[in-house]
Amino acid sequence: AVQGVKAVGTGTAAISSQTAPFTVVANGTILQESYPFINGGTVPELTRHATFPSSPGSVLTRSLYQFVDPILNPPSLTDTNNYGIRMHGYFVAPTSSANWKFAVASDDYGQFWLSPNEDPANKVLVSRVVGWTSLHEFNKVNVSTQSGLITLTAGQKYYVEALMKEGG
């Protein structure tokens, strides 16, 4: 499951949460889409599947503060193996510009994408999990869970997307 995306800014923009699997202190909403019955454990097995992205098994709208960890509560999934999750939407950066570092934790493979603006077409991969991590394990060696520093401008709207693929 997507276990966490953690964004940490410098100074007063620092962010922390031990309970939300997608953690950003900012305004916005995220769509959480579930794709059941997809074999394999890598993100390309999700993104190449015929149901992705147009036919999710379920869609939930979440505020940035209301995420339910999909591994504990996978919406409309009868099997907690062989599924994928896509969370995507927008947030407005906090009131002070800062350098941020993004990290993702997932079991199995996961990716976190960020656009330098609100256009999804401009998204770039900034953090990923190759293999798996434990819950909130944002610094596992050799899985590229953390991004470099990324400057976000106060008040600017950004597109974000997290992908996760759970295998068998």
Protein backbone atom coordinates (compact mmCIF):
# COMPACT_ATOMS: atom_id res chain seq x y z
CA ALA A 1 0.00 0.00 0.00
CA VAL A 2 1.03 3.59 -0.33
CA GLN A 3 2.23 4.04 3.19
CA GLY A 4 3.39 7.57 3.05
CA VAL A 5 4.54 10.54 1.16
CA LYS A 6 6.35 12.94 3.41
CA ALA A 7 7.24 16.47 2.42
CA VAL A 8 9.69 18.30 4.61
CA GLY A 9 10.47 21.97 4.15
CA THR A 10 13.09 24.13 5.78
CA GLY A 11 12.41 26.60 8.57
CA THR A 12 8.77 27.11 9.45
CA ALA A 13 7.61 25.00 6.53
CA ALA A 14 8.70 21.77 8.22
CA ILE A 15 6.10 19.02 8.02
CA SER A 16 5.63 15.91 10.06
CA SER A 17 2.94 13.30 10.68
CA GLN A 18 2.98 9.78 12.00
CA THR A 19 -0.59 8.88 11.04
CA ALA A 20 -1.38 10.16 7.55
CA PRO A 21 0.06 8.15 4.65
CA PHE A 22 0.20 11.29 2.51
CA THR A 23 1.51 14.22 4.49
CA VAL A 24 1.60 17.80 3.27
CA VAL A 25 0.82 20.91 5.30
CA ALA A 26 -1.02 22.86 2.66
CA ASN A 27 -4.50 23.34 1.24
CA GLY A 28 -5.90 20.93 -1.34
CA THR A 29 -7.64 17.69 -2.11
CA ILE A 30 -6.47 14.37 -3.44
CA LEU A 31 -8.31 11.67 -5.37
CA GLN A 32 -7.51 8.14 -4.21
CA GLU A 33 -8.17 5.58 -6.96
CA SER A 34 -7.93 1.80 -6.45
CA TYR A 35 -7.25 -0.66 -9.26
CA PRO A 36 -7.99 -4.24 -8.14
CA PHE A 37 -6.99 -7.56 -9.71
CA ILE A 38 -3.75 -6.45 -11.39
CA ASN A 39 -0.96 -9.00 -11.10
CA GLY A 40 2.65 -8.04 -10.44
CA GLY A 41 4.36 -5.74 -8.01
CA THR A 42 5.83 -2.91 -10.11
CA VAL A 43 4.33 0.46 -11.04
CA PRO A 44 4.62 -0.18 -14.82
CA GLU A 45 2.36 -3.22 -14.33
CA LEU A 46 -0.25 -0.78 -13.00
CA THR A 47 0.25 2.00 -15.56
CA ARG A 48 0.21 -0.40 -18.54
CA HIS A 49 -2.98 -2.17 -17.40
CA ALA A 50 -6.12 -1.68 -19.51
CA THR A 51 -8.06 -0.22 -16.57
CA PHE A 52 -5.48 2.48 -15.80
CA PRO A 53 -6.20 5.35 -15.44
CA SER A 54 -9.74 5.48 -16.86
CA SER A 55 -11.48 2.67 -14.94
CA PRO A 56 -10.55 2.47 -11.26
CA GLY A 57 -12.44 0.04 -9.02
CA SER A 58 -13.16 2.88 -6.60
CA VAL A 59 -12.49 6.59 -6.23
CA LEU A 60 -12.42 8.50 -2.96
CA THR A 61 -11.88 12.24 -2.49
CA ARG A 62 -9.65 13.07 0.45
CA SER A 63 -8.45 16.28 1.98
CA LEU A 64 -4.73 16.34 2.56
CA TYR A 65 -5.50 15.55 6.20
CA GLN A 66 -8.00 12.68 5.76
CA PHE A 67 -6.10 9.81 4.21
CA VAL A 68 -6.79 6.25 5.25
CA ASP A 69 -3.82 3.94 4.78
CA PRO A 70 -4.91 1.68 1.88
CA ILE A 71 -3.17 -1.34 3.38
CA LEU A 72 -5.41 -1.07 6.43
CA ASN A 73 -8.57 -0.09 4.59
CA PRO A 74 -8.33 -0.86 0.86
CA PRO A 75 -11.55 0.60 -0.60
CA SER A 76 -13.61 -1.97 -2.55
CA LEU A 77 -10.76 -4.45 -2.61
CA THR A 78 -11.61 -8.03 -1.70
CA ASP A 79 -7.97 -9.09 -1.92
CA THR A 80 -5.19 -7.03 -0.36
CA ASN A 81 -2.76 -8.38 -2.95
CA ASN A 82 -2.49 -7.63 -6.66
CA TYR A 83 -3.85 -4.10 -6.75
CA GLY A 84 -2.63 -0.60 -7.45
CA ILE A 85 -3.36 2.83 -6.02
CA ARG A 86 -3.12 6.25 -7.62
CA MET A 87 -3.48 9.37 -5.49
CA HIS A 88 -3.44 12.64 -7.37
CA GLY A 89 -4.53 16.22 -7.04
CA TYR A 90 -3.35 19.67 -6.11
CA PHE A 91 -2.00 21.55 -3.17
CA VAL A 92 -1.10 25.16 -2.54
CA ALA A 93 2.32 25.66 -0.98
CA PRO A 94 2.32 27.16 2.52
CA THR A 95 2.69 30.85 3.20
CA SER A 96 6.50 30.93 3.10
CA SER A 97 8.63 29.80 0.17
CA ALA A 98 11.07 27.05 1.13
CA ASN A 99 13.20 24.18 -0.07
CA TRP A 100 11.36 20.87 0.35
CA LYS A 101 12.43 17.27 0.30
CA PHE A 102 9.84 14.64 -0.67
CA ALA A 103 9.95 11.00 0.35
CA VAL A 104 7.68 8.03 -0.29
CA ALA A 105 7.25 4.70 1.50
CA SER A 106 5.32 1.85 -0.13
CA ASP A 107 4.87 -1.90 -0.24
CA ASP A 108 5.60 -2.88 -2.98
CA TYR A 109 6.90 -0.40 -5.60
CA GLY A 110 5.89 3.26 -5.38
CA GLN A 111 6.47 6.58 -7.10
CA PHE A 112 5.85 10.23 -6.18
CA TRP A 113 5.48 12.77 -8.98
CA LEU A 114 5.43 16.57 -8.66
CA SER A 115 4.71 19.19 -11.27
CA PRO A 116 6.48 22.57 -11.00
CA ASN A 117 3.00 24.08 -11.45
CA GLU A 118 -0.62 22.91 -11.61
CA ASP A 119 -0.29 21.18 -15.00
CA PRO A 120 -0.15 17.34 -14.71
CA ALA A 121 1.63 17.20 -18.09
CA ASN A 122 4.68 18.79 -16.43
CA LYS A 123 5.02 16.26 -13.60
CA VAL A 124 8.41 14.74 -12.91
CA LEU A 125 9.37 11.74 -10.81
CA VAL A 126 10.95 13.05 -7.60
CA SER A 127 10.87 10.03 -5.28
CA ARG A 128 10.37 6.30 -5.65
CA VAL A 129 10.53 2.94 -3.97
CA VAL A 130 12.18 0.11 -5.87
CA GLY A 131 11.14 -3.01 -4.00
CA TRP A 132 9.34 -2.18 -0.76
CA THR A 133 9.66 -0.31 2.51
CA SER A 134 8.17 -0.65 5.95
CA LEU A 135 5.51 1.77 7.15
CA HIS A 136 6.95 5.33 7.25
CA GLU A 137 10.43 4.09 6.28
CA PHE A 138 11.48 7.17 4.34
CA ASN A 139 15.23 6.56 4.32
CA LYS A 140 15.71 2.91 3.28
CA VAL A 141 19.09 2.42 1.62
CA ASN A 142 19.17 1.64 -2.12
CA VAL A 143 15.51 2.27 -2.90
CA SER A 144 15.59 6.03 -3.76
CA THR A 145 12.85 7.02 -1.33
CA GLN A 146 13.92 10.69 -1.00
CA SER A 147 14.08 13.53 -3.48
CA GLY A 148 16.68 16.24 -3.56
CA LEU A 149 15.74 19.72 -2.39
CA ILE A 150 12.91 21.27 -4.40
CA THR A 151 11.98 24.93 -4.04
CA LEU A 152 8.25 25.59 -3.72
CA THR A 153 6.83 29.09 -3.99
CA ALA A 154 4.41 30.26 -1.31
CA GLY A 155 0.84 30.42 -2.56
CA GLN A 156 1.54 28.53 -5.81
CA LYS A 157 -0.65 25.58 -6.80
CA TYR A 158 1.15 22.28 -7.56
CA TYR A 159 -0.02 18.99 -9.08
CA VAL A 160 1.06 15.87 -7.16
CA GLU A 161 0.64 12.17 -7.92
CA ALA A 162 1.57 9.03 -5.98
CA LEU A 163 1.45 5.56 -7.53
CA MET A 164 1.78 2.22 -5.75
CA LYS A 165 1.60 -1.38 -6.88
CA GLU A 166 1.04 -4.26 -4.44
CA GLY A 167 1.97 -7.71 -5.72
CA GLY A 168 0.99 -11.14 -4.45
